[in-house]
Amino acid sequence: MNLESVRLRLEQREKQLSPRAAKSSQSRGRELPEKPSPVRTEFQRDRDRIIHCKAFRRLKHKTQVFIAPVGDHFVTRLTHTLEVSQIARTIARALNLNEDLAEGIALAHDIGHPPFGHAGEQALADLLPEGFRHAEQSLRVVEKLERLNLTWETRDGIVNSSKVREGIFAEAWGTPATLEGQIVKVSDAVAYINHDIADSLRAGVISEDEIPKEVSTTLGTRHSERINTLVCDIIEHSWFAAGETTSAVPTAEISIGMSERVSAAANALREFMFQRVYLWEGRREEAEQAKLVVRALYEYYVDHPDEIQSDFVIASDPPWRRVADYVAGMTDGFALNAASQISQTSANRLASL
């Protein structure tokens, strides 16, 4: 049997997708050319490489919003990633776009996130000469540190997945070139503004009656209801992407979006979460402590780069870059343990003087 017939059959199925869908057989390719898999498309291969890499595994021990929460039901960076993947696959499937590409981008979009959520990200951004954004670090992880040699389309979706506070569809940090990448970008917001509400309610940071009335009226009052409203609206508003409706709109001008009413409600909910949760005064002390840990780790290892025991760095890089990769790759628990050991080592050195 010629196993390549399996991949050819899968690629033939992709031809039945929307004319606006990304096709793996038409990918712009990998940085290092490789012989095709006989039983997987190029985008399926990307997805599998991401799932099996070490950086993906570490997401289960990285904070989403609440640092070291007490309880088993708080969202981690890994469970968030799985929720984004599920939402993105649902939208891509409904719009007859490439579900495999959307899944791969979703699984890797946060793979470069440092410990302690956005507090850790801000600490590294303040310390590094070139600043720090987790989307750029995610791209660095798959390109340089894990060397996954992913397709151009997957890498483009990863690096352009971040959003600015001004709005879900603001373009300050780039727009993915594929519709599948755009799906992941909006699915990320759909996932986190909803599961962060659940975590905030669980932690007692907010109460149900504090959620803006215009949000509840438009999106719904329950977790599943809000997600369903957002996903259905995205699909309906983006229907031209499915290629089933004759349209004079050029393919280049078709994008993934929401209706004005639902988009306004989603951004209102997002702003509410910024004010009441993400930048909440009560979390400031916790966030500052997390930043202190990241800062202490960075400064110590810059002074002692030889103490970095990891294959997750590039030896030829300058010390600050190696330290940034090392610290960004840490899980929350590993970072706390490393900081504790450094503190103890420093105390012992002082005692011996």
Protein backbone atom coordinates (compact mmCIF):
# COMPACT_ATOMS: atom_id res chain seq x y z
CA MET A 1 0.00 0.00 0.00
CA ASN A 2 1.17 3.51 -0.77
CA LEU A 3 0.51 5.41 2.46
CA GLU A 4 0.84 8.76 0.69
CA SER A 5 -2.65 8.14 -0.64
CA VAL A 6 -3.88 8.97 2.88
CA ARG A 7 -2.44 12.48 2.79
CA LEU A 8 -3.58 13.01 -0.77
CA ARG A 9 -7.13 12.05 0.26
CA LEU A 10 -6.98 14.54 3.15
CA GLU A 11 -5.70 17.26 0.84
CA GLN A 12 -8.49 16.46 -1.59
CA ARG A 13 -11.01 16.99 1.21
CA GLU A 14 -9.47 20.40 1.87
CA LYS A 15 -10.35 21.40 -1.69
CA GLN A 16 -14.00 21.15 -0.66
CA LEU A 17 -13.50 23.86 1.95
CA SER A 18 -14.35 27.49 1.32
CA PRO A 19 -12.34 29.18 -1.46
CA ARG A 20 -11.19 31.54 1.32
CA ALA A 21 -9.82 28.71 3.50
CA ALA A 22 -6.10 28.12 3.84
CA LYS A 23 -5.12 24.87 2.08
CA SER A 24 -2.19 22.89 3.44
CA SER A 25 -1.13 21.85 -0.05
CA GLN A 26 -0.80 25.56 -0.91
CA SER A 27 1.09 26.51 2.26
CA ARG A 28 3.92 28.99 1.98
CA GLY A 29 5.98 26.24 3.54
CA ARG A 30 8.47 25.76 6.34
CA GLU A 31 11.78 27.54 6.91
CA LEU A 32 13.53 24.19 6.44
CA PRO A 33 11.98 22.09 3.66
CA GLU A 34 10.88 18.62 4.75
CA LYS A 35 9.55 15.52 3.09
CA PRO A 36 5.74 15.50 3.50
CA SER A 37 4.10 13.13 5.96
CA PRO A 38 2.38 10.24 4.16
CA VAL A 39 -0.67 10.30 6.48
CA ARG A 40 -1.05 13.93 7.65
CA THR A 41 -1.47 17.31 6.01
CA GLU A 42 1.08 20.02 6.78
CA PHE A 43 -1.28 21.79 9.22
CA GLN A 44 -2.08 18.52 11.02
CA ARG A 45 1.64 17.96 11.37
CA ASP A 46 2.02 21.43 12.92
CA ARG A 47 -0.71 20.69 15.45
CA ASP A 48 0.87 17.38 16.46
CA ARG A 49 4.33 18.91 16.92
CA ILE A 50 2.89 21.58 19.20
CA ILE A 51 1.02 19.08 21.38
CA HIS A 52 4.14 16.96 21.84
CA CYS A 53 6.58 19.77 22.67
CA LYS A 54 7.80 20.50 26.20
CA ALA A 55 6.63 24.11 26.27
CA PHE A 56 3.04 22.99 25.67
CA ARG A 57 3.23 20.58 28.62
CA ARG A 58 4.36 23.34 30.96
CA LEU A 59 1.20 25.36 30.32
CA LYS A 60 -0.66 23.23 32.87
CA HIS A 61 1.39 24.82 35.67
CA LYS A 62 1.20 28.42 34.47
CA THR A 63 -1.24 31.00 35.82
CA GLN A 64 -4.05 32.46 33.73
CA VAL A 65 -5.25 35.30 35.98
CA PHE A 66 -5.24 34.26 39.64
CA ILE A 67 -1.79 33.46 40.99
CA ALA A 68 -1.56 30.22 43.03
CA PRO A 69 -5.34 29.99 43.56
CA VAL A 70 -6.78 27.71 46.23
CA GLY A 71 -9.05 25.24 44.47
CA ASP A 72 -8.97 22.80 41.57
CA HIS A 73 -11.41 24.58 39.25
CA PHE A 74 -9.48 27.76 38.44
CA VAL A 75 -8.35 28.16 34.85
CA THR A 76 -4.72 27.47 34.00
CA ARG A 77 -2.90 28.53 30.87
CA LEU A 78 -3.42 25.00 29.51
CA THR A 79 -7.16 24.79 30.13
CA HIS A 80 -7.51 28.26 28.60
CA THR A 81 -5.62 27.05 25.52
CA LEU A 82 -7.91 24.03 25.18
CA GLU A 83 -11.00 26.27 25.44
CA VAL A 84 -9.63 28.58 22.73
CA SER A 85 -8.96 25.56 20.54
CA GLN A 86 -12.50 24.25 21.00
CA ILE A 87 -14.11 27.60 20.20
CA ALA A 88 -11.83 28.17 17.20
CA ARG A 89 -12.57 24.71 15.79
CA THR A 90 -16.30 25.28 16.14
CA ILE A 91 -16.16 28.57 14.25
CA ALA A 92 -13.78 27.27 11.56
CA ARG A 93 -15.96 24.20 10.98
CA ALA A 94 -19.12 26.28 10.73
CA LEU A 95 -17.52 28.64 8.21
CA ASN A 96 -16.07 25.76 6.16
CA LEU A 97 -12.52 26.97 6.87
CA ASN A 98 -9.47 24.90 7.79
CA GLU A 99 -10.11 23.47 11.24
CA ASP A 100 -6.63 21.90 11.48
CA LEU A 101 -4.88 25.23 10.97
CA ALA A 102 -7.12 26.99 13.49
CA GLU A 103 -6.46 24.25 16.03
CA GLY A 104 -2.69 24.41 15.60
CA ILE A 105 -2.56 28.18 16.02
CA ALA A 106 -4.83 28.01 19.07
CA LEU A 107 -2.72 25.36 20.79
CA ALA A 108 0.46 27.43 20.39
CA HIS A 109 -0.84 30.98 20.83
CA ASP A 110 0.17 31.18 24.53
CA ILE A 111 3.08 28.77 24.48
CA GLY A 112 5.57 31.56 25.23
CA HIS A 113 3.65 33.04 28.16
CA PRO A 114 5.84 33.54 31.26
CA PRO A 115 4.89 32.51 34.81
CA PHE A 116 2.38 34.53 36.86
CA GLY A 117 0.20 35.59 33.94
CA HIS A 118 0.30 39.18 32.78
CA ALA A 119 2.16 40.28 35.91
CA GLY A 120 5.10 38.15 34.82
CA GLU A 121 4.78 39.43 31.27
CA GLN A 122 4.87 43.06 32.43
CA ALA A 123 7.91 42.41 34.62
CA LEU A 124 9.87 40.99 31.67
CA ALA A 125 8.66 43.80 29.41
CA ASP A 126 10.12 46.33 31.88
CA LEU A 127 13.43 44.45 32.21
CA LEU A 128 14.34 43.38 28.69
CA PRO A 129 16.20 45.74 26.32
CA GLU A 130 13.77 44.82 23.52
CA GLY A 131 10.67 44.62 25.70
CA PHE A 132 8.56 41.49 25.90
CA ARG A 133 5.25 40.30 24.42
CA HIS A 134 4.09 36.74 24.94
CA ALA A 135 2.95 36.36 21.31
CA GLU A 136 6.44 37.18 20.06
CA GLN A 137 7.91 34.82 22.65
CA SER A 138 5.49 32.11 21.52
CA LEU A 139 6.85 32.50 18.00
CA ARG A 140 10.41 32.38 19.36
CA VAL A 141 9.59 29.17 21.23
CA VAL A 142 8.34 27.32 18.15
CA GLU A 143 11.01 28.74 15.84
CA LYS A 144 14.19 28.91 17.94
CA LEU A 145 13.85 27.09 21.25
CA GLU A 146 11.76 24.04 20.37
CA ARG A 147 12.69 24.26 16.67
CA LEU A 148 9.37 22.84 15.50
CA ASN A 149 9.79 24.13 11.95
CA LEU A 150 6.10 24.97 11.57
CA THR A 151 4.43 26.26 8.42
CA TRP A 152 4.34 29.98 7.68
CA GLU A 153 0.56 30.13 8.19
CA THR A 154 0.73 28.69 11.70
CA ARG A 155 3.60 30.96 12.72
CA ASP A 156 1.79 34.01 11.32
CA GLY A 157 -1.31 33.17 13.37
CA ILE A 158 0.74 32.72 16.54
CA VAL A 159 2.62 36.01 16.41
CA ASN A 160 -0.49 38.01 15.49
CA SER A 161 -2.78 36.52 18.15
CA SER A 162 -2.45 39.24 20.82
CA LYS A 163 -4.98 42.00 21.46
CA VAL A 164 -4.63 45.47 22.93
CA ARG A 165 -6.94 46.89 25.58
CA GLU A 166 -8.66 49.24 23.14
CA GLY A 167 -10.73 46.45 21.62
CA ILE A 168 -10.90 42.84 20.51
CA PHE A 169 -10.45 43.78 16.86
CA ALA A 170 -7.91 46.57 17.30
CA GLU A 171 -5.00 46.06 14.88
CA ALA A 172 -2.17 47.65 16.86
CA TRP A 173 -0.37 44.30 17.24
CA GLY A 174 -1.10 42.91 13.81
CA THR A 175 -3.82 40.96 12.04
CA PRO A 176 -3.31 37.32 10.97
CA ALA A 177 -3.04 36.81 7.23
CA THR A 178 -5.42 33.83 7.26
CA LEU A 179 -9.05 33.76 8.31
CA GLU A 180 -8.18 30.80 10.52
CA GLY A 181 -5.66 32.97 12.39
CA GLN A 182 -8.30 35.67 12.78
CA ILE A 183 -10.67 33.08 14.23
CA VAL A 184 -8.12 32.15 16.90
CA LYS A 185 -7.56 35.79 17.79
CA VAL A 186 -11.24 36.40 18.49
CA SER A 187 -11.71 32.94 20.08
CA ASP A 188 -9.02 33.83 22.59
CA ALA A 189 -11.10 36.81 23.75
CA VAL A 190 -14.34 34.79 23.79
CA ALA A 191 -12.66 32.20 26.02
CA TYR A 192 -10.86 34.41 28.50
CA ILE A 193 -13.51 37.05 29.19
CA ASN A 194 -15.93 34.25 30.03
CA HIS A 195 -13.77 31.88 32.06
CA ASP A 196 -12.19 34.84 33.87
CA ILE A 197 -15.69 35.86 34.98
CA ALA A 198 -16.21 32.36 36.40
CA ASP A 199 -12.87 32.49 38.23
CA SER A 200 -13.56 35.98 39.56
CA LEU A 201 -16.96 34.92 40.87
CA ARG A 202 -15.38 31.85 42.45
CA ALA A 203 -12.72 34.01 44.11
CA GLY A 204 -15.29 36.52 45.37
CA VAL A 205 -13.70 39.39 43.43
CA ILE A 206 -16.96 40.26 41.67
CA SER A 207 -20.63 39.31 42.02
CA GLU A 208 -23.16 38.48 39.33
CA ASP A 209 -25.10 41.71 39.86
CA GLU A 210 -21.98 43.80 39.11
CA ILE A 211 -21.78 42.60 35.50
CA PRO A 212 -23.04 45.51 33.34
CA LYS A 213 -26.71 45.18 32.48
CA GLU A 214 -26.13 45.93 28.80
CA VAL A 215 -23.72 42.97 28.70
CA SER A 216 -26.17 40.54 30.30
CA THR A 217 -29.04 41.76 28.13
CA THR A 218 -27.07 41.25 24.92
CA LEU A 219 -24.87 38.26 25.69
CA GLY A 220 -26.81 36.41 28.37
CA THR A 221 -26.46 35.79 32.08
CA ARG A 222 -24.81 32.37 32.10
CA HIS A 223 -21.34 31.21 31.01
CA SER A 224 -22.58 28.90 28.26
CA GLU A 225 -25.17 31.43 27.09
CA ARG A 226 -22.57 34.18 26.66
CA ILE A 227 -20.21 31.91 24.71
CA ASN A 228 -23.03 30.64 22.51
CA THR A 229 -24.18 34.19 21.73
CA LEU A 230 -20.65 35.31 20.83
CA VAL A 231 -19.81 32.25 18.72
CA CYS A 232 -23.11 32.30 16.80
CA ASP A 233 -22.76 36.04 16.14
CA ILE A 234 -19.20 35.60 14.85
CA ILE A 235 -20.34 32.85 12.48
CA GLU A 236 -23.33 34.84 11.21
CA HIS A 237 -21.38 38.09 10.81
CA SER A 238 -18.49 36.31 9.05
CA TRP A 239 -20.64 34.17 6.75
CA PHE A 240 -19.04 35.48 3.55
CA ALA A 241 -15.90 33.58 4.65
CA ALA A 242 -17.75 30.29 4.16
CA GLY A 243 -17.85 30.87 0.41
CA GLU A 244 -21.47 29.76 0.14
CA THR A 245 -22.84 33.19 -0.67
CA THR A 246 -22.15 34.93 -3.95
CA SER A 247 -20.43 38.15 -3.03
CA ALA A 248 -18.77 40.96 -4.89
CA VAL A 249 -16.56 41.53 -1.84
CA PRO A 250 -12.94 40.64 -2.71
CA THR A 251 -11.46 37.80 -0.66
CA ALA A 252 -8.81 40.15 0.72
CA GLU A 253 -11.54 42.33 2.25
CA ILE A 254 -13.38 39.48 4.00
CA SER A 255 -12.54 39.14 7.67
CA ILE A 256 -13.75 37.50 10.86
CA GLY A 257 -15.81 39.80 13.07
CA MET A 258 -18.93 40.42 15.12
CA SER A 259 -22.05 42.50 14.69
CA GLU A 260 -21.79 46.01 16.06
CA ARG A 261 -24.21 45.29 18.90
CA VAL A 262 -22.48 42.12 20.11
CA SER A 263 -19.00 43.56 19.60
CA ALA A 264 -19.93 46.56 21.76
CA ALA A 265 -21.21 44.26 24.51
CA ALA A 266 -18.09 42.05 24.32
CA ASN A 267 -15.78 45.07 24.60
CA ALA A 268 -17.88 46.45 27.47
CA LEU A 269 -17.47 43.14 29.27
CA ARG A 270 -13.75 43.13 28.53
CA GLU A 271 -13.35 46.67 29.89
CA PHE A 272 -15.35 45.70 32.99
CA MET A 273 -12.92 42.83 33.55
CA PHE A 274 -9.93 45.15 33.17
CA GLN A 275 -11.29 47.56 35.74
CA ARG A 276 -12.67 45.05 38.24
CA VAL A 277 -10.32 42.10 37.87
CA TYR A 278 -7.18 42.46 35.75
CA LEU A 279 -6.20 45.86 37.21
CA TRP A 280 -8.14 45.52 40.45
CA GLU A 281 -6.54 47.26 43.45
CA GLY A 282 -6.93 44.11 45.55
CA ARG A 283 -4.76 42.14 43.11
CA ARG A 284 -2.08 44.79 42.92
CA GLU A 285 -0.11 43.47 45.90
CA GLU A 286 -0.24 39.93 44.52
CA ALA A 287 0.86 41.16 41.08
CA GLU A 288 3.71 43.23 42.56
CA GLN A 289 4.97 40.22 44.49
CA ALA A 290 4.94 38.18 41.28
CA LYS A 291 6.87 40.92 39.50
CA LEU A 292 9.43 40.96 42.31
CA VAL A 293 9.99 37.23 41.87
CA VAL A 294 10.49 37.57 38.10
CA ARG A 295 12.75 40.59 38.58
CA ALA A 296 14.85 38.79 41.20
CA LEU A 297 15.24 35.75 38.96
CA TYR A 298 16.19 37.83 35.95
CA GLU A 299 18.73 39.94 37.78
CA TYR A 300 20.30 36.96 39.52
CA TYR A 301 20.72 34.87 36.38
CA VAL A 302 22.06 37.81 34.38
CA ASP A 303 24.82 38.01 37.00
CA HIS A 304 25.18 34.20 37.14
CA PRO A 305 24.38 32.91 33.62
CA ASP A 306 26.50 29.79 34.16
CA GLU A 307 23.95 28.59 36.73
CA ILE A 308 21.24 28.21 34.09
CA GLN A 309 20.72 24.47 33.73
CA SER A 310 18.41 24.18 30.76
CA ASP A 311 18.32 23.09 27.14
CA PHE A 312 15.64 25.74 26.60
CA VAL A 313 18.20 28.46 25.84
CA ILE A 314 20.57 29.15 22.97
CA ALA A 315 24.19 29.14 24.16
CA SER A 316 25.34 31.69 21.58
CA ASP A 317 22.77 34.30 22.68
CA PRO A 318 23.78 37.21 24.94
CA PRO A 319 23.17 36.62 28.67
CA TRP A 320 20.02 38.78 28.87
CA ARG A 321 18.40 36.80 26.04
CA ARG A 322 19.27 33.44 27.58
CA VAL A 323 17.92 34.57 30.94
CA ALA A 324 14.73 35.91 29.35
CA ASP A 325 14.08 32.58 27.62
CA TYR A 326 14.85 30.65 30.79
CA VAL A 327 12.62 32.72 33.06
CA ALA A 328 9.80 32.98 30.51
CA GLY A 329 9.78 29.20 30.21
CA MET A 330 9.35 28.64 33.95
CA THR A 331 6.12 27.42 35.49
CA ASP A 332 4.80 29.32 38.49
CA GLY A 333 5.95 26.68 40.96
CA PHE A 334 9.40 26.35 39.41
CA ALA A 335 9.86 30.12 39.51
CA LEU A 336 8.90 30.31 43.19
CA ASN A 337 11.22 27.43 44.08
CA ALA A 338 14.09 28.94 42.10
CA ALA A 339 13.59 32.31 43.80
CA SER A 340 13.53 30.61 47.22
CA GLN A 341 16.76 28.75 46.48
CA ILE A 342 18.44 31.94 45.27
CA SER A 343 17.35 33.74 48.43
CA GLN A 344 18.73 30.93 50.59
CA THR A 345 21.98 30.83 48.65
CA SER A 346 22.42 34.58 49.04
CA ALA A 347 21.72 34.34 52.77
CA ASN A 348 24.30 31.57 53.17
CA ARG A 349 26.89 33.61 51.27
CA LEU A 350 26.29 36.57 53.56
CA ALA A 351 26.54 34.37 56.65
CA SER A 352 29.90 33.02 55.52
CA LEU A 353 31.47 36.48 55.20
